[in-house]
């Protein structure tokens, strides 16, 4: 039997001093620190770690003081307070497994009452787990502010894009946006051999409306015509204001006969509208021209030009008509 010597006593005292210094160092660090042995029993921790797991320590203080607090006990307290009961057991098992597989990779976790911490855990040679929790609440607040600012800017950019592509009065596409979409659909139709038709429409005697009833009433007429035209379109089609009282529509996957029927329905809707004015109620009409893209067309402007010619033919032949070409 080995007899204890003075050297042994000195070594024992040295180990005690070093252990005390280690514990003291852990206690004064602002970072939450905890060490679990190879049986997942909590053996060393500091006050910041208690604050992170305040609910668990409040409930399990006696176990902690007696060094009988295990990792699954701690996790279970938090799980039972934050999730449905039927999910708790599986969650606790997964967290214990994650603890045993500690690889040093930081994981962000939100704890009740104290907020966000980045948890890093490391496995020692003896199988113990050393964990560190760094307060990242300020980082999360900064991220939230940054995300909010990005969302605000994206919303503003979208608003500006819509404004740039929208006619301010009628709230339908303006000329630039309409022609851009029309050109895209024309090239797509050429590529896939698909039908594309164009409707041009122009309010009849619109100058007379402005002169007789004023521009405010004239604006209301244009808004109503735009709504009637847009109401006659499918979701895949597009209508735009391309001039003062002139509107145009592209109808994808649509041959001339179907587009002509669509124009006729819109013409009837416009003719049925009634407007009020200081001089009494009045009605307006519109003239329509319809054209279908064909193999000879080299650009959308050729199709639009034919529809425009058909529209003026409708005006010359009495107005409030639909003419197809």
C-alpha atoms as a PDB file:
ATOM      1  CA  UNK A   1       0.000   0.000   0.000  1.00  0.00           C
ATOM      2  CA  UNK A   2       1.375   3.392  -1.024  1.00  0.00           C
ATOM      3  CA  UNK A   3       2.060   5.588   1.975  1.00  0.00           C
ATOM      4  CA  UNK A   4       1.077   9.251   1.572  1.00  0.00           C
ATOM      5  CA  UNK A   5       4.149  11.454   1.454  1.00  0.00           C
ATOM      6  CA  UNK A   6       4.760  15.162   1.826  1.00  0.00           C
ATOM      7  CA  UNK A   7       5.206  15.354  -1.950  1.00  0.00           C
ATOM      8  CA  UNK A   8       1.776  13.797  -2.404  1.00  0.00           C
ATOM      9  CA  UNK A   9       0.276  16.379  -0.082  1.00  0.00           C
ATOM     10  CA  UNK A  10       1.939  19.191  -1.987  1.00  0.00           C
ATOM     11  CA  UNK A  11       0.670  17.799  -5.311  1.00  0.00           C
ATOM     12  CA  UNK A  12      -2.817  17.497  -3.882  1.00  0.00           C
ATOM     13  CA  UNK A  13      -2.753  21.104  -2.670  1.00  0.00           C
ATOM     14  CA  UNK A  14      -1.463  22.267  -6.056  1.00  0.00           C
ATOM     15  CA  UNK A  15      -4.346  20.490  -7.816  1.00  0.00           C
ATOM     16  CA  UNK A  16      -6.828  22.049  -5.376  1.00  0.00           C
ATOM     17  CA  UNK A  17      -5.411  25.538  -6.034  1.00  0.00           C
ATOM     18  CA  UNK A  18      -5.509  25.049  -9.801  1.00  0.00           C
ATOM     19  CA  UNK A  19      -9.054  23.709  -9.604  1.00  0.00           C
ATOM     20  CA  UNK A  20     -10.079  26.707  -7.497  1.00  0.00           C
ATOM     21  CA  UNK A  21      -8.469  29.074 -10.018  1.00  0.00           C
ATOM     22  CA  UNK A  22     -10.298  27.315 -12.866  1.00  0.00           C
ATOM     23  CA  UNK A  23     -13.651  27.609 -11.094  1.00  0.00           C
ATOM     24  CA  UNK A  24     -12.927  31.231 -10.211  1.00  0.00           C
ATOM     25  CA  UNK A  25     -12.079  31.999 -13.844  1.00  0.00           C
ATOM     26  CA  UNK A  26     -15.288  30.401 -15.055  1.00  0.00           C
ATOM     27  CA  UNK A  27     -17.339  32.280 -12.474  1.00  0.00           C
ATOM     28  CA  UNK A  28     -16.024  35.727 -13.439  1.00  0.00           C
ATOM     29  CA  UNK A  29     -16.358  35.350 -17.208  1.00  0.00           C
ATOM     30  CA  UNK A  30     -19.433  37.140 -18.671  1.00  0.00           C
ATOM     31  CA  UNK A  31     -19.945  34.287 -21.112  1.00  0.00           C
ATOM     32  CA  UNK A  32     -22.261  31.511 -19.961  1.00  0.00           C
ATOM     33  CA  UNK A  33     -20.128  28.394 -19.359  1.00  0.00           C
ATOM     34  CA  UNK A  34     -21.124  24.875 -18.339  1.00  0.00           C
ATOM     35  CA  UNK A  35     -19.397  21.495 -18.233  1.00  0.00           C
ATOM     36  CA  UNK A  36     -21.268  18.186 -18.243  1.00  0.00           C
ATOM     37  CA  UNK A  37     -19.533  14.888 -17.483  1.00  0.00           C
ATOM     38  CA  UNK A  38     -19.712  11.826 -19.713  1.00  0.00           C
ATOM     39  CA  UNK A  39     -23.063  10.911 -18.087  1.00  0.00           C
ATOM     40  CA  UNK A  40     -24.525  14.343 -18.971  1.00  0.00           C
ATOM     41  CA  UNK A  41     -24.453  15.488 -15.345  1.00  0.00           C
ATOM     42  CA  UNK A  42     -23.820  19.193 -14.780  1.00  0.00           C
ATOM     43  CA  UNK A  43     -20.594  19.539 -12.770  1.00  0.00           C
ATOM     44  CA  UNK A  44     -19.366  23.105 -13.416  1.00  0.00           C
ATOM     45  CA  UNK A  45     -21.260  26.260 -14.399  1.00  0.00           C
ATOM     46  CA  UNK A  46     -21.366  29.989 -13.738  1.00  0.00           C
ATOM     47  CA  UNK A  47     -24.013  32.617 -12.992  1.00  0.00           C
ATOM     48  CA  UNK A  48     -24.472  33.690 -16.635  1.00  0.00           C
ATOM     49  CA  UNK A  49     -25.323  30.047 -17.432  1.00  0.00           C
ATOM     50  CA  UNK A  50     -27.923  30.101 -14.665  1.00  0.00           C
ATOM     51  CA  UNK A  51     -29.438  33.266 -16.136  1.00  0.00           C
ATOM     52  CA  UNK A  52     -29.730  31.655 -19.561  1.00  0.00           C
ATOM     53  CA  UNK A  53     -31.571  28.713 -18.010  1.00  0.00           C
ATOM     54  CA  UNK A  54     -33.297  30.693 -15.280  1.00  0.00           C
ATOM     55  CA  UNK A  55     -36.557  28.713 -15.415  1.00  0.00           C
ATOM     56  CA  UNK A  56     -34.770  25.384 -15.115  1.00  0.00           C
ATOM     57  CA  UNK A  57     -32.551  26.486 -12.229  1.00  0.00           C
ATOM     58  CA  UNK A  58     -35.519  27.981 -10.385  1.00  0.00           C
ATOM     59  CA  UNK A  59     -37.282  24.643 -10.565  1.00  0.00           C
ATOM     60  CA  UNK A  60     -34.237  22.367 -10.192  1.00  0.00           C
ATOM     61  CA  UNK A  61     -32.051  24.339  -7.766  1.00  0.00           C
ATOM     62  CA  UNK A  62     -31.827  21.500  -5.224  1.00  0.00           C
ATOM     63  CA  UNK A  63     -30.654  19.041  -7.886  1.00  0.00           C
ATOM     64  CA  UNK A  64     -28.056  21.522  -9.119  1.00  0.00           C
ATOM     65  CA  UNK A  65     -26.688  22.200  -5.631  1.00  0.00           C
ATOM     66  CA  UNK A  66     -26.396  18.444  -4.980  1.00  0.00           C
ATOM     67  CA  UNK A  67     -24.698  17.935  -8.382  1.00  0.00           C
ATOM     68  CA  UNK A  68     -27.625  15.800  -9.486  1.00  0.00           C
ATOM     69  CA  UNK A  69     -28.841  17.999 -12.366  1.00  0.00           C
ATOM     70  CA  UNK A  70     -28.680  16.247 -15.736  1.00  0.00           C
ATOM     71  CA  UNK A  71     -28.880  17.835 -19.156  1.00  0.00           C
ATOM     72  CA  UNK A  72     -32.186  16.186 -20.034  1.00  0.00           C
ATOM     73  CA  UNK A  73     -33.724  17.588 -16.807  1.00  0.00           C
ATOM     74  CA  UNK A  74     -32.754  21.110 -17.830  1.00  0.00           C
ATOM     75  CA  UNK A  75     -33.956  20.752 -21.429  1.00  0.00           C
ATOM     76  CA  UNK A  76     -37.256  19.226 -20.342  1.00  0.00           C
ATOM     77  CA  UNK A  77     -38.174  22.221 -18.158  1.00  0.00           C
ATOM     78  CA  UNK A  78     -37.771  24.612 -21.078  1.00  0.00           C
ATOM     79  CA  UNK A  79     -39.506  22.269 -23.528  1.00  0.00           C
ATOM     80  CA  UNK A  80     -42.524  21.800 -21.289  1.00  0.00           C
ATOM     81  CA  UNK A  81     -42.883  25.582 -21.011  1.00  0.00           C
ATOM     82  CA  UNK A  82     -42.623  26.304 -24.719  1.00  0.00           C
ATOM     83  CA  UNK A  83     -44.126  23.454 -26.757  1.00  0.00           C
ATOM     84  CA  UNK A  84     -47.010  21.004 -26.976  1.00  0.00           C
ATOM     85  CA  UNK A  85     -46.814  18.119 -24.506  1.00  0.00           C
ATOM     86  CA  UNK A  86     -46.777  15.380 -27.141  1.00  0.00           C
ATOM     87  CA  UNK A  87     -43.614  16.873 -28.672  1.00  0.00           C
ATOM     88  CA  UNK A  88     -41.555  17.163 -25.496  1.00  0.00           C
ATOM     89  CA  UNK A  89     -40.069  13.653 -25.227  1.00  0.00           C
ATOM     90  CA  UNK A  90     -38.850  13.548 -28.813  1.00  0.00           C
ATOM     91  CA  UNK A  91     -37.414  17.047 -28.495  1.00  0.00           C
ATOM     92  CA  UNK A  92     -35.533  16.172 -25.301  1.00  0.00           C
ATOM     93  CA  UNK A  93     -34.084  13.018 -26.872  1.00  0.00           C
ATOM     94  CA  UNK A  94     -32.898  14.987 -29.887  1.00  0.00           C
ATOM     95  CA  UNK A  95     -31.277  17.674 -27.746  1.00  0.00           C
ATOM     96  CA  UNK A  96     -29.444  15.077 -25.656  1.00  0.00           C
ATOM     97  CA  UNK A  97     -28.220  13.403 -28.845  1.00  0.00           C
ATOM     98  CA  UNK A  98     -27.049  16.767 -30.172  1.00  0.00           C
ATOM     99  CA  UNK A  99     -25.237  17.358 -26.891  1.00  0.00           C
ATOM    100  CA  UNK A 100     -23.359  14.067 -27.175  1.00  0.00           C
ATOM    101  CA  UNK A 101     -22.436  14.895 -30.786  1.00  0.00           C
ATOM    102  CA  UNK A 102     -20.940  18.266 -29.839  1.00  0.00           C
ATOM    103  CA  UNK A 103     -18.738  19.519 -32.663  1.00  0.00           C
ATOM    104  CA  UNK A 104     -18.097  23.149 -31.774  1.00  0.00           C
ATOM    105  CA  UNK A 105     -20.465  24.534 -34.406  1.00  0.00           C
ATOM    106  CA  UNK A 106     -22.427  27.501 -33.065  1.00  0.00           C
ATOM    107  CA  UNK A 107     -26.215  27.176 -32.910  1.00  0.00           C
ATOM    108  CA  UNK A 108     -28.492  30.183 -32.351  1.00  0.00           C
ATOM    109  CA  UNK A 109     -31.219  29.479 -29.808  1.00  0.00           C
ATOM    110  CA  UNK A 110     -33.961  31.673 -28.328  1.00  0.00           C
ATOM    111  CA  UNK A 111     -34.486  31.111 -24.580  1.00  0.00           C
ATOM    112  CA  UNK A 112     -37.626  32.206 -22.710  1.00  0.00           C
ATOM    113  CA  UNK A 113     -37.271  35.571 -20.937  1.00  0.00           C
ATOM    114  CA  UNK A 114     -33.593  36.098 -21.854  1.00  0.00           C
ATOM    115  CA  UNK A 115     -33.570  36.018 -25.649  1.00  0.00           C
ATOM    116  CA  UNK A 116     -31.015  34.840 -28.185  1.00  0.00           C
ATOM    117  CA  UNK A 117     -27.725  33.060 -27.478  1.00  0.00           C
ATOM    118  CA  UNK A 118     -25.188  31.393 -29.757  1.00  0.00           C
ATOM    119  CA  UNK A 119     -24.380  28.009 -28.230  1.00  0.00           C
ATOM    120  CA  UNK A 120     -21.082  26.254 -28.938  1.00  0.00           C
ATOM    121  CA  UNK A 121     -20.270  22.856 -27.414  1.00  0.00           C
ATOM    122  CA  UNK A 122     -17.059  20.855 -27.438  1.00  0.00           C
ATOM    123  CA  UNK A 123     -16.365  17.257 -26.436  1.00  0.00           C
ATOM    124  CA  UNK A 124     -13.279  16.617 -24.295  1.00  0.00           C
ATOM    125  CA  UNK A 125     -11.012  13.573 -24.468  1.00  0.00           C
ATOM    126  CA  UNK A 126     -12.704  12.117 -21.386  1.00  0.00           C
ATOM    127  CA  UNK A 127     -16.169  12.457 -22.943  1.00  0.00           C
ATOM    128  CA  UNK A 128     -17.248  15.535 -21.009  1.00  0.00           C
ATOM    129  CA  UNK A 129     -19.080  18.351 -22.813  1.00  0.00           C
ATOM    130  CA  UNK A 130     -17.999  21.967 -22.404  1.00  0.00           C
ATOM    131  CA  UNK A 131     -20.591  24.491 -23.541  1.00  0.00           C
ATOM    132  CA  UNK A 132     -20.437  28.252 -24.088  1.00  0.00           C
ATOM    133  CA  UNK A 133     -23.400  30.609 -24.645  1.00  0.00           C
ATOM    134  CA  UNK A 134     -22.722  34.079 -26.078  1.00  0.00           C
ATOM    135  CA  UNK A 135     -25.433  36.740 -25.860  1.00  0.00           C
ATOM    136  CA  UNK A 136     -26.386  37.716 -29.431  1.00  0.00           C
ATOM    137  CA  UNK A 137     -29.540  39.710 -28.686  1.00  0.00           C
ATOM    138  CA  UNK A 138     -27.958  42.886 -30.026  1.00  0.00           C
ATOM    139  CA  UNK A 139     -26.925  41.017 -33.188  1.00  0.00           C
ATOM    140  CA  UNK A 140     -30.477  39.772 -33.614  1.00  0.00           C
ATOM    141  CA  UNK A 141     -31.860  43.283 -33.125  1.00  0.00           C
ATOM    142  CA  UNK A 142     -29.406  44.553 -35.716  1.00  0.00           C
ATOM    143  CA  UNK A 143     -30.432  41.757 -38.096  1.00  0.00           C
ATOM    144  CA  UNK A 144     -34.104  42.585 -37.530  1.00  0.00           C
ATOM    145  CA  UNK A 145     -33.465  46.267 -38.250  1.00  0.00           C
ATOM    146  CA  UNK A 146     -31.481  45.348 -41.357  1.00  0.00           C
ATOM    147  CA  UNK A 147     -34.207  42.984 -42.587  1.00  0.00           C
ATOM    148  CA  UNK A 148     -36.818  45.664 -41.927  1.00  0.00           C
ATOM    149  CA  UNK A 149     -34.782  48.200 -43.895  1.00  0.00           C
ATOM    150  CA  UNK A 150     -34.276  45.753 -46.764  1.00  0.00           C
ATOM    151  CA  UNK A 151     -38.021  45.013 -46.824  1.00  0.00           C
ATOM    152  CA  UNK A 152     -38.795  48.733 -46.754  1.00  0.00           C
ATOM    153  CA  UNK A 153     -36.436  49.419 -49.642  1.00  0.00           C
ATOM    154  CA  UNK A 154     -37.757  46.480 -51.647  1.00  0.00           C
ATOM    155  CA  UNK A 155     -41.310  47.725 -51.098  1.00  0.00           C
ATOM    156  CA  UNK A 156     -40.248  51.220 -52.168  1.00  0.00           C
ATOM    157  CA  UNK A 157     -38.492  49.872 -55.260  1.00  0.00           C
ATOM    158  CA  UNK A 158     -41.595  47.858 -56.132  1.00  0.00           C
ATOM    159  CA  UNK A 159     -43.765  50.922 -55.612  1.00  0.00           C
ATOM    160  CA  UNK A 160     -41.487  52.997 -57.842  1.00  0.00           C
ATOM    161  CA  UNK A 161     -41.463  50.243 -60.472  1.00  0.00           C
ATOM    162  CA  UNK A 162     -45.259  50.118 -60.456  1.00  0.00           C
ATOM    163  CA  UNK A 163     -45.466  53.900 -60.661  1.00  0.00           C
ATOM    164  CA  UNK A 164     -43.011  53.932 -63.555  1.00  0.00           C
ATOM    165  CA  UNK A 165     -45.125  51.379 -65.445  1.00  0.00           C
ATOM    166  CA  UNK A 166     -48.581  52.639 -64.524  1.00  0.00           C
ATOM    167  CA  UNK A 167     -50.665  55.405 -66.050  1.00  0.00           C
ATOM    168  CA  UNK A 168     -51.274  57.852 -63.214  1.00  0.00           C
ATOM    169  CA  UNK A 169     -54.895  58.595 -64.155  1.00  0.00           C
ATOM    170  CA  UNK A 170     -56.344  55.227 -65.127  1.00  0.00           C
ATOM    171  CA  UNK A 171     -54.037  52.961 -63.065  1.00  0.00           C
ATOM    172  CA  UNK A 172     -53.518  50.588 -65.993  1.00  0.00           C
ATOM    173  CA  UNK A 173     -50.230  50.055 -67.842  1.00  0.00           C
ATOM    174  CA  UNK A 174     -48.723  53.118 -69.480  1.00  0.00           C
ATOM    175  CA  UNK A 175     -47.462  53.142 -73.055  1.00  0.00           C
ATOM    176  CA  UNK A 176     -43.906  52.085 -72.207  1.00  0.00           C
ATOM    177  CA  UNK A 177     -44.953  49.148 -70.039  1.00  0.00           C
ATOM    178  CA  UNK A 178     -47.563  48.035 -72.558  1.00  0.00           C
ATOM    179  CA  UNK A 179     -45.150  48.068 -75.494  1.00  0.00           C
ATOM    180  CA  UNK A 180     -42.479  46.212 -73.501  1.00  0.00           C
ATOM    181  CA  UNK A 181     -44.885  43.410 -72.583  1.00  0.00           C
ATOM    182  CA  UNK A 182     -46.358  43.375 -76.106  1.00  0.00           C
ATOM    183  CA  UNK A 183     -42.911  42.988 -77.660  1.00  0.00           C
ATOM    184  CA  UNK A 184     -42.161  40.088 -75.308  1.00  0.00           C
ATOM    185  CA  UNK A 185     -45.429  38.346 -76.178  1.00  0.00           C
ATOM    186  CA  UNK A 186     -44.863  38.934 -79.904  1.00  0.00           C
ATOM    187  CA  UNK A 187     -41.449  37.272 -79.799  1.00  0.00           C
ATOM    188  CA  UNK A 188     -42.791  34.420 -77.680  1.00  0.00           C
ATOM    189  CA  UNK A 189     -45.634  33.865 -80.131  1.00  0.00           C
ATOM    190  CA  UNK A 190     -43.202  33.826 -83.059  1.00  0.00           C
ATOM    191  CA  UNK A 191     -40.954  31.337 -81.276  1.00  0.00           C
ATOM    192  CA  UNK A 192     -43.728  28.885 -80.358  1.00  0.00           C
ATOM    193  CA  UNK A 193     -46.150  29.511 -83.211  1.00  0.00           C
ATOM    194  CA  UNK A 194     -48.816  30.828 -80.840  1.00  0.00           C
ATOM    195  CA  UNK A 195     -51.678  33.201 -81.615  1.00  0.00           C
ATOM    196  CA  UNK A 196     -51.450  36.861 -80.607  1.00  0.00           C
ATOM    197  CA  UNK A 197     -54.063  39.517 -81.275  1.00  0.00           C
ATOM    198  CA  UNK A 198     -54.182  43.252 -80.651  1.00  0.00           C
ATOM    199  CA  UNK A 199     -57.132  45.528 -79.952  1.00  0.00           C
ATOM    200  CA  UNK A 200     -56.853  49.281 -80.433  1.00  0.00           C
ATOM    201  CA  UNK A 201     -59.659  51.446 -78.993  1.00  0.00           C
ATOM    202  CA  UNK A 202     -60.276  55.176 -79.019  1.00  0.00           C
ATOM    203  CA  UNK A 203     -63.011  57.216 -77.324  1.00  0.00           C
ATOM    204  CA  UNK A 204     -65.298  58.855 -79.912  1.00  0.00           C
ATOM    205  CA  UNK A 205     -65.559  62.670 -79.912  1.00  0.00           C
ATOM    206  CA  UNK A 206     -63.557  62.889 -76.719  1.00  0.00           C
ATOM    207  CA  UNK A 207     -62.513  66.492 -77.343  1.00  0.00           C
ATOM    208  CA  UNK A 208     -66.207  67.366 -77.336  1.00  0.00           C
ATOM    209  CA  UNK A 209     -66.524  65.765 -73.884  1.00  0.00           C
ATOM    210  CA  UNK A 210     -63.686  67.903 -72.486  1.00  0.00           C
ATOM    211  CA  UNK A 211     -64.980  71.060 -74.145  1.00  0.00           C
ATOM    212  CA  UNK A 212     -68.573  70.500 -73.049  1.00  0.00           C
ATOM    213  CA  UNK A 213     -68.196  69.103 -69.537  1.00  0.00           C
ATOM    214  CA  UNK A 214     -64.651  69.984 -68.481  1.00  0.00           C
ATOM    215  CA  UNK A 215     -61.450  68.002 -68.029  1.00  0.00           C
ATOM    216  CA  UNK A 216     -62.448  66.614 -64.637  1.00  0.00           C
ATOM    217  CA  UNK A 217     -65.426  64.894 -66.219  1.00  0.00           C
ATOM    218  CA  UNK A 218     -63.259  63.881 -69.155  1.00  0.00           C
ATOM    219  CA  UNK A 219     -60.831  62.201 -66.739  1.00  0.00           C
ATOM    220  CA  UNK A 220     -63.715  60.242 -65.198  1.00  0.00           C
ATOM    221  CA  UNK A 221     -64.701  59.058 -68.677  1.00  0.00           C
ATOM    222  CA  UNK A 222     -61.163  57.835 -69.378  1.00  0.00           C
ATOM    223  CA  UNK A 223     -61.022  55.999 -66.039  1.00  0.00           C
ATOM    224  CA  UNK A 224     -64.355  54.303 -66.776  1.00  0.00           C
ATOM    225  CA  UNK A 225     -63.225  53.260 -70.267  1.00  0.00           C
ATOM    226  CA  UNK A 226     -59.997  51.842 -68.834  1.00  0.00           C
ATOM    227  CA  UNK A 227     -61.951  49.831 -66.262  1.00  0.00           C
ATOM    228  CA  UNK A 228     -64.325  48.512 -68.893  1.00  0.00           C
ATOM    229  CA  UNK A 229     -61.408  47.484 -71.110  1.00  0.00           C
ATOM    230  CA  UNK A 230     -59.482  45.862 -68.251  1.00  0.00           C
ATOM    231  CA  UNK A 231     -62.638  44.114 -67.065  1.00  0.00           C
ATOM    232  CA  UNK A 232     -62.966  42.443 -70.442  1.00  0.00           C
ATOM    233  CA  UNK A 233     -59.456  40.963 -70.277  1.00  0.00           C
ATOM    234  CA  UNK A 234     -58.263  37.655 -68.872  1.00  0.00           C
ATOM    235  CA  UNK A 235     -55.442  37.558 -66.352  1.00  0.00           C
ATOM    236  CA  UNK A 236     -52.886  36.678 -69.040  1.00  0.00           C
ATOM    237  CA  UNK A 237     -53.898  39.601 -71.262  1.00  0.00           C
ATOM    238  CA  UNK A 238     -52.901  43.238 -70.855  1.00  0.00           C
ATOM    239  CA  UNK A 239     -54.526  46.586 -71.522  1.00  0.00           C
ATOM    240  CA  UNK A 240     -52.687  49.910 -71.533  1.00  0.00           C
ATOM    241  CA  UNK A 241     -53.243  53.579 -72.162  1.00  0.00           C
ATOM    242  CA  UNK A 242     -51.116  54.417 -75.198  1.00  0.00           C
ATOM    243  CA  UNK A 243     -52.349  57.951 -75.905  1.00  0.00           C
ATOM    244  CA  UNK A 244     -54.637  60.657 -74.557  1.00  0.00           C
ATOM    245  CA  UNK A 245     -57.922  58.824 -75.151  1.00  0.00           C
ATOM    246  CA  UNK A 246     -56.433  55.835 -76.917  1.00  0.00           C
ATOM    247  CA  UNK A 247     -56.087  52.377 -75.376  1.00  0.00           C
ATOM    248  CA  UNK A 248     -54.618  49.088 -76.575  1.00  0.00           C
ATOM    249  CA  UNK A 249     -54.822  45.478 -75.487  1.00  0.00           C
ATOM    250  CA  UNK A 250     -52.823  42.350 -76.243  1.00  0.00           C
ATOM    251  CA  UNK A 251     -54.614  39.007 -76.110  1.00  0.00           C
ATOM    252  CA  UNK A 252     -52.273  36.014 -75.899  1.00  0.00           C
ATOM    253  CA  UNK A 253     -53.247  32.568 -77.236  1.00  0.00           C
ATOM    254  CA  UNK A 254     -56.072  34.369 -79.053  1.00  0.00           C
ATOM    255  CA  UNK A 255     -56.978  34.311 -82.754  1.00  0.00           C
ATOM    256  CA  UNK A 256     -58.658  37.153 -84.654  1.00  0.00           C
ATOM    257  CA  UNK A 257     -62.263  35.936 -84.275  1.00  0.00           C
ATOM    258  CA  UNK A 258     -62.000  35.589 -80.504  1.00  0.00           C
ATOM    259  CA  UNK A 259     -60.293  38.975 -80.170  1.00  0.00           C
ATOM    260  CA  UNK A 260     -63.003  40.591 -82.302  1.00  0.00           C
ATOM    261  CA  UNK A 261     -65.700  39.118 -80.058  1.00  0.00           C
ATOM    262  CA  UNK A 262     -63.835  40.441 -77.005  1.00  0.00           C
ATOM    263  CA  UNK A 263     -63.632  43.925 -78.544  1.00  0.00           C
ATOM    264  CA  UNK A 264     -67.366  43.813 -79.270  1.00  0.00           C
ATOM    265  CA  UNK A 265     -68.160  43.014 -75.637  1.00  0.00           C
ATOM    266  CA  UNK A 266     -65.994  45.896 -74.431  1.00  0.00           C
ATOM    267  CA  UNK A 267     -67.601  48.231 -76.972  1.00  0.00           C
ATOM    268  CA  UNK A 268     -71.052  47.334 -75.628  1.00  0.00           C
ATOM    269  CA  UNK A 269     -69.902  47.823 -72.025  1.00  0.00           C
ATOM    270  CA  UNK A 270     -68.563  51.300 -72.808  1.00  0.00           C
ATOM    271  CA  UNK A 271     -71.702  52.267 -74.736  1.00  0.00           C
ATOM    272  CA  UNK A 272     -73.829  51.307 -71.731  1.00  0.00           C
ATOM    273  CA  UNK A 273     -71.961  53.605 -69.333  1.00  0.00           C
ATOM    274  CA  UNK A 274     -73.700  56.789 -68.192  1.00  0.00           C
ATOM    275  CA  UNK A 275     -71.876  59.825 -66.817  1.00  0.00           C
ATOM    276  CA  UNK A 276     -73.119  62.726 -64.768  1.00  0.00           C
ATOM    277  CA  UNK A 277     -72.310  66.398 -65.381  1.00  0.00           C
ATOM    278  CA  UNK A 278     -73.666  69.847 -64.409  1.00  0.00           C
ATOM    279  CA  UNK A 279     -75.387  69.813 -67.785  1.00  0.00           C
ATOM    280  CA  UNK A 280     -77.066  66.467 -67.188  1.00  0.00           C
ATOM    281  CA  UNK A 281     -76.203  62.797 -67.863  1.00  0.00           C
ATOM    282  CA  UNK A 282     -74.470  61.736 -71.058  1.00  0.00           C
ATOM    283  CA  UNK A 283     -72.948  58.657 -72.707  1.00  0.00           C
ATOM    284  CA  UNK A 284     -69.850  57.982 -74.764  1.00  0.00           C
ATOM    285  CA  UNK A 285     -68.820  55.402 -77.330  1.00  0.00           C
ATOM    286  CA  UNK A 286     -65.526  54.062 -78.623  1.00  0.00           C
ATOM    287  CA  UNK A 287     -64.199  52.727 -81.911  1.00  0.00           C
ATOM    288  CA  UNK A 288     -62.164  49.524 -82.122  1.00  0.00           C
ATOM    289  CA  UNK A 289     -59.627  47.968 -84.461  1.00  0.00           C
ATOM    290  CA  UNK A 290     -58.452  44.353 -84.174  1.00  0.00           C
ATOM    291  CA  UNK A 291     -55.495  42.605 -85.814  1.00  0.00           C
ATOM    292  CA  UNK A 292     -53.781  39.230 -85.449  1.00  0.00           C
ATOM    293  CA  UNK A 293     -50.040  38.697 -85.725  1.00  0.00           C
ATOM    294  CA  UNK A 294     -48.990  36.690 -88.767  1.00  0.00           C
ATOM    295  CA  UNK A 295     -45.849  35.160 -90.214  1.00  0.00           C
ATOM    296  CA  UNK A 296     -45.039  38.255 -92.277  1.00  0.00           C
ATOM    297  CA  UNK A 297     -44.866  40.560 -89.263  1.00  0.00           C
ATOM    298  CA  UNK A 298     -41.304  41.425 -88.298  1.00  0.00           C
ATOM    299  CA  UNK A 299     -42.183  43.330 -85.135  1.00  0.00           C
ATOM    300  CA  UNK A 300     -45.084  44.065 -82.842  1.00  0.00           C
ATOM    301  CA  UNK A 301     -45.376  47.550 -84.308  1.00  0.00           C
ATOM    302  CA  UNK A 302     -46.557  45.981 -87.593  1.00  0.00           C
ATOM    303  CA  UNK A 303     -49.447  44.252 -85.812  1.00  0.00           C
ATOM    304  CA  UNK A 304     -50.279  47.375 -83.819  1.00  0.00           C
ATOM    305  CA  UNK A 305     -50.234  49.464 -86.998  1.00  0.00           C
ATOM    306  CA  UNK A 306     -52.810  47.180 -88.673  1.00  0.00           C
ATOM    307  CA  UNK A 307     -55.036  47.340 -85.604  1.00  0.00           C
ATOM    308  CA  UNK A 308     -54.666  51.124 -85.584  1.00  0.00           C
ATOM    309  CA  UNK A 309     -55.668  51.318 -89.261  1.00  0.00           C
ATOM    310  CA  UNK A 310     -58.691  49.139 -88.566  1.00  0.00           C
ATOM    311  CA  UNK A 311     -59.692  51.434 -85.690  1.00  0.00           C
ATOM    312  CA  UNK A 312     -59.568  54.524 -87.915  1.00  0.00           C
ATOM    313  CA  UNK A 313     -61.577  52.627 -90.488  1.00  0.00           C
ATOM    314  CA  UNK A 314     -64.217  52.115 -87.766  1.00  0.00           C
ATOM    315  CA  UNK A 315     -64.204  55.847 -87.060  1.00  0.00           C
ATOM    316  CA  UNK A 316     -64.523  56.753 -90.740  1.00  0.00           C
ATOM    317  CA  UNK A 317     -67.432  54.367 -91.174  1.00  0.00           C
ATOM    318  CA  UNK A 318     -69.549  55.838 -88.384  1.00  0.00           C
ATOM    319  CA  UNK A 319     -67.741  55.161 -85.042  1.00  0.00           C
ATOM    320  CA  UNK A 320     -68.898  52.930 -82.182  1.00  0.00           C
ATOM    321  CA  UNK A 321     -67.831  49.947 -84.253  1.00  0.00           C
ATOM    322  CA  UNK A 322     -65.347  47.079 -84.283  1.00  0.00           C
ATOM    323  CA  UNK A 323     -63.312  46.530 -87.473  1.00  0.00           C
ATOM    324  CA  UNK A 324     -60.926  43.574 -87.866  1.00  0.00           C
ATOM    325  CA  UNK A 325     -57.942  43.114 -90.183  1.00  0.00           C
END
